[in-house]
Amino acid sequence: PTHGGSKRHRRSRVPERCCSVPCTLEDMYRGKTRRMKITRKSQTAGRPTEKVLEVPIRPGYKAGTRITFSGEGDEEMKSSRV
């Protein structure tokens, strides 16, 4: 049965990406956008892919602030259990 909503395309579950980004005290005070090149394992492309992420460092961030990029982690292989 339909509920009047639009159909959403389900993507396979891809974990988040977690990396350390070096920045100065001035960067955290004034704010800055840093670029970071990542390499991720891709099952759809069949090979590692590279991507540049723009990391926003907003004024007032403290050391250890976590910024999450959903869907930018390595794609997991689906295992079939017998």
N, C-alpha and C. Protein backbone atom coordinates (compact mmCIF):
# COMPACT_ATOMS: atom_id res chain seq x y z
N PRO A 1 0.83 -1.20 0.00
CA PRO A 1 0.00 0.00 0.00
C PRO A 1 0.87 1.25 0.00
N THR A 2 0.40 2.24 -0.69
CA THR A 2 1.13 3.51 -0.72
C THR A 2 0.55 4.44 0.33
N HIS A 3 1.40 5.29 0.86
CA HIS A 3 0.98 6.22 1.89
C HIS A 3 0.99 7.65 1.40
N GLY A 4 1.00 7.85 0.11
CA GLY A 4 0.98 9.19 -0.45
C GLY A 4 2.33 9.88 -0.46
N GLY A 5 3.34 9.24 0.06
CA GLY A 5 4.68 9.85 0.09
C GLY A 5 5.48 9.45 -1.13
N SER A 6 6.57 10.12 -1.34
CA SER A 6 7.42 9.77 -2.47
C SER A 6 8.29 8.58 -2.12
N LYS A 7 8.69 7.86 -3.12
CA LYS A 7 9.55 6.72 -2.91
C LYS A 7 10.98 7.22 -2.71
N ARG A 8 11.62 6.69 -1.72
CA ARG A 8 13.01 7.05 -1.48
C ARG A 8 13.90 5.94 -1.99
N HIS A 9 14.99 6.34 -2.60
CA HIS A 9 15.96 5.35 -3.06
C HIS A 9 16.85 5.01 -1.88
N ARG A 10 16.92 3.75 -1.57
CA ARG A 10 17.75 3.32 -0.46
C ARG A 10 19.15 3.03 -0.94
N ARG A 11 20.11 3.68 -0.31
CA ARG A 11 21.51 3.39 -0.60
C ARG A 11 22.00 2.38 0.41
N SER A 12 23.00 1.64 0.02
CA SER A 12 23.58 0.71 0.97
C SER A 12 24.20 1.51 2.11
N ARG A 13 24.24 0.91 3.26
CA ARG A 13 24.76 1.58 4.46
C ARG A 13 26.26 1.81 4.31
N VAL A 14 26.64 3.08 4.28
CA VAL A 14 28.05 3.46 4.19
C VAL A 14 28.39 4.22 5.47
N PRO A 15 29.40 3.77 6.21
CA PRO A 15 29.72 4.43 7.48
C PRO A 15 30.29 5.83 7.28
N GLU A 16 30.37 6.55 8.39
CA GLU A 16 30.93 7.90 8.35
C GLU A 16 32.44 7.85 8.20
N ARG A 17 33.02 8.99 7.88
CA ARG A 17 34.47 9.13 7.76
C ARG A 17 34.96 9.87 8.99
N CYS A 18 36.00 9.39 9.62
CA CYS A 18 36.58 10.02 10.81
C CYS A 18 38.07 10.25 10.57
N CYS A 19 38.51 11.50 10.57
CA CYS A 19 39.91 11.84 10.35
C CYS A 19 40.27 13.02 11.25
N SER A 20 41.54 13.16 11.53
CA SER A 20 42.02 14.33 12.28
C SER A 20 42.41 15.41 11.28
N VAL A 21 41.98 16.63 11.56
CA VAL A 21 42.30 17.75 10.68
C VAL A 21 43.14 18.75 11.49
N PRO A 22 44.39 18.94 11.10
CA PRO A 22 45.21 19.90 11.85
C PRO A 22 44.74 21.33 11.58
N CYS A 23 44.61 22.10 12.65
CA CYS A 23 44.26 23.51 12.49
C CYS A 23 44.87 24.29 13.65
N THR A 24 45.06 25.56 13.43
CA THR A 24 45.68 26.42 14.43
C THR A 24 44.61 27.01 15.35
N LEU A 25 45.05 27.61 16.42
CA LEU A 25 44.15 28.29 17.34
C LEU A 25 43.44 29.43 16.62
N GLU A 26 44.17 30.09 15.73
CA GLU A 26 43.57 31.19 14.95
C GLU A 26 42.46 30.68 14.03
N ASP A 27 42.66 29.49 13.43
CA ASP A 27 41.61 28.90 12.59
C ASP A 27 40.33 28.67 13.38
N MET A 28 40.47 28.19 14.62
CA MET A 28 39.30 27.92 15.45
C MET A 28 38.67 29.21 15.97
N TYR A 29 39.45 30.27 16.08
CA TYR A 29 38.92 31.55 16.55
C TYR A 29 38.20 32.30 15.42
N ARG A 30 38.82 32.36 14.26
CA ARG A 30 38.27 33.12 13.14
C ARG A 30 37.36 32.29 12.22
N GLY A 31 37.62 30.98 12.16
CA GLY A 31 36.88 30.14 11.23
C GLY A 31 37.64 30.01 9.92
N LYS A 32 37.47 28.89 9.27
CA LYS A 32 38.18 28.64 8.02
C LYS A 32 37.57 27.40 7.38
N THR A 33 37.76 27.24 6.11
CA THR A 33 37.37 26.02 5.42
C THR A 33 38.63 25.32 4.95
N ARG A 34 38.81 24.09 5.40
CA ARG A 34 39.98 23.31 5.02
C ARG A 34 39.55 22.25 4.02
N ARG A 35 40.43 21.93 3.12
CA ARG A 35 40.18 20.87 2.14
C ARG A 35 41.01 19.66 2.53
N MET A 36 40.39 18.48 2.41
CA MET A 36 41.07 17.26 2.78
C MET A 36 40.76 16.20 1.73
N LYS A 37 41.81 15.60 1.20
CA LYS A 37 41.66 14.56 0.18
C LYS A 37 41.60 13.20 0.88
N ILE A 38 40.55 12.44 0.58
CA ILE A 38 40.40 11.12 1.18
C ILE A 38 40.37 10.05 0.09
N THR A 39 40.76 8.86 0.45
CA THR A 39 40.65 7.70 -0.43
C THR A 39 39.73 6.72 0.25
N ARG A 40 38.69 6.29 -0.45
CA ARG A 40 37.75 5.36 0.14
C ARG A 40 37.62 4.12 -0.72
N LYS A 41 37.34 3.00 -0.07
CA LYS A 41 37.13 1.74 -0.78
C LYS A 41 35.71 1.74 -1.30
N SER A 42 35.54 1.55 -2.60
CA SER A 42 34.23 1.58 -3.21
C SER A 42 33.92 0.23 -3.85
N GLN A 43 32.81 -0.36 -3.45
CA GLN A 43 32.39 -1.63 -4.04
C GLN A 43 31.68 -1.39 -5.37
N THR A 44 31.00 -0.25 -5.51
CA THR A 44 30.28 0.03 -6.75
C THR A 44 31.24 0.34 -7.89
N ALA A 45 32.31 1.08 -7.60
CA ALA A 45 33.29 1.40 -8.64
C ALA A 45 34.27 0.25 -8.84
N GLY A 46 34.39 -0.63 -7.83
CA GLY A 46 35.29 -1.76 -7.94
C GLY A 46 36.75 -1.42 -7.70
N ARG A 47 37.01 -0.20 -7.26
CA ARG A 47 38.39 0.23 -7.00
C ARG A 47 38.34 1.38 -5.99
N PRO A 48 39.48 1.70 -5.37
CA PRO A 48 39.50 2.85 -4.46
C PRO A 48 39.23 4.15 -5.22
N THR A 49 38.46 5.02 -4.63
CA THR A 49 38.16 6.31 -5.25
C THR A 49 38.68 7.43 -4.35
N GLU A 50 39.06 8.53 -4.96
CA GLU A 50 39.55 9.69 -4.22
C GLU A 50 38.51 10.80 -4.29
N LYS A 51 38.41 11.54 -3.20
CA LYS A 51 37.45 12.63 -3.14
C LYS A 51 38.01 13.73 -2.25
N VAL A 52 37.72 14.97 -2.57
CA VAL A 52 38.15 16.10 -1.76
C VAL A 52 36.94 16.59 -0.96
N LEU A 53 37.09 16.57 0.37
CA LEU A 53 36.03 17.06 1.26
C LEU A 53 36.39 18.44 1.75
N GLU A 54 35.41 19.31 1.83
CA GLU A 54 35.62 20.63 2.40
C GLU A 54 35.15 20.58 3.85
N VAL A 55 36.08 20.84 4.77
CA VAL A 55 35.79 20.75 6.19
C VAL A 55 35.59 22.16 6.72
N PRO A 56 34.36 22.50 7.14
CA PRO A 56 34.13 23.84 7.68
C PRO A 56 34.58 23.92 9.13
N ILE A 57 35.48 24.84 9.44
CA ILE A 57 35.90 25.08 10.81
C ILE A 57 35.26 26.40 11.20
N ARG A 58 34.23 26.32 12.02
CA ARG A 58 33.47 27.52 12.38
C ARG A 58 34.09 28.20 13.60
N PRO A 59 33.96 29.51 13.68
CA PRO A 59 34.48 30.22 14.85
C PRO A 59 33.87 29.66 16.13
N GLY A 60 34.73 29.42 17.10
CA GLY A 60 34.24 28.90 18.38
C GLY A 60 34.40 27.40 18.55
N TYR A 61 34.79 26.69 17.49
CA TYR A 61 35.04 25.25 17.65
C TYR A 61 36.15 25.06 18.66
N LYS A 62 36.05 23.98 19.43
CA LYS A 62 37.08 23.65 20.40
C LYS A 62 37.89 22.47 19.88
N ALA A 63 39.06 22.26 20.45
CA ALA A 63 39.89 21.12 20.07
C ALA A 63 39.10 19.84 20.34
N GLY A 64 39.11 18.93 19.38
CA GLY A 64 38.40 17.67 19.52
C GLY A 64 36.98 17.70 18.99
N THR A 65 36.53 18.82 18.41
CA THR A 65 35.20 18.89 17.82
C THR A 65 35.10 17.89 16.68
N ARG A 66 34.01 17.11 16.65
CA ARG A 66 33.83 16.09 15.62
C ARG A 66 32.87 16.61 14.55
N ILE A 67 33.29 16.48 13.31
CA ILE A 67 32.47 16.84 12.16
C ILE A 67 32.23 15.55 11.39
N THR A 68 30.99 15.19 11.16
CA THR A 68 30.65 13.92 10.53
C THR A 68 30.27 14.12 9.08
N PHE A 69 30.85 13.31 8.21
CA PHE A 69 30.49 13.29 6.80
C PHE A 69 29.79 11.96 6.55
N SER A 70 28.49 11.97 6.57
CA SER A 70 27.72 10.74 6.38
C SER A 70 27.89 10.22 4.97
N GLY A 71 28.07 8.92 4.86
CA GLY A 71 28.18 8.29 3.55
C GLY A 71 29.52 8.45 2.87
N GLU A 72 30.53 8.95 3.57
CA GLU A 72 31.84 9.15 2.95
C GLU A 72 32.87 8.12 3.40
N GLY A 73 32.46 7.14 4.20
CA GLY A 73 33.38 6.10 4.65
C GLY A 73 33.56 5.02 3.60
N ASP A 74 34.30 3.99 3.95
CA ASP A 74 34.51 2.87 3.05
C ASP A 74 33.22 2.07 2.92
N GLU A 75 32.90 1.63 1.71
CA GLU A 75 31.73 0.79 1.51
C GLU A 75 32.04 -0.60 2.02
N GLU A 76 31.12 -1.16 2.78
CA GLU A 76 31.34 -2.47 3.35
C GLU A 76 30.89 -3.54 2.37
N MET A 77 31.63 -4.62 2.36
CA MET A 77 31.24 -5.75 1.52
C MET A 77 30.10 -6.48 2.20
N LYS A 78 29.10 -6.85 1.44
CA LYS A 78 27.99 -7.62 2.00
C LYS A 78 28.40 -9.08 2.03
N SER A 79 28.35 -9.66 3.20
CA SER A 79 28.73 -11.05 3.32
C SER A 79 27.47 -11.91 3.40
N SER A 80 27.50 -13.02 2.75
CA SER A 80 26.36 -13.92 2.82
C SER A 80 26.75 -15.08 3.72
N ARG A 81 25.94 -15.27 4.74
CA ARG A 81 26.22 -16.35 5.69
C ARG A 81 25.40 -17.57 5.31
N VAL A 82 26.04 -18.73 5.42
CA VAL A 82 25.37 -19.97 5.08
C VAL A 82 25.01 -20.72 6.31
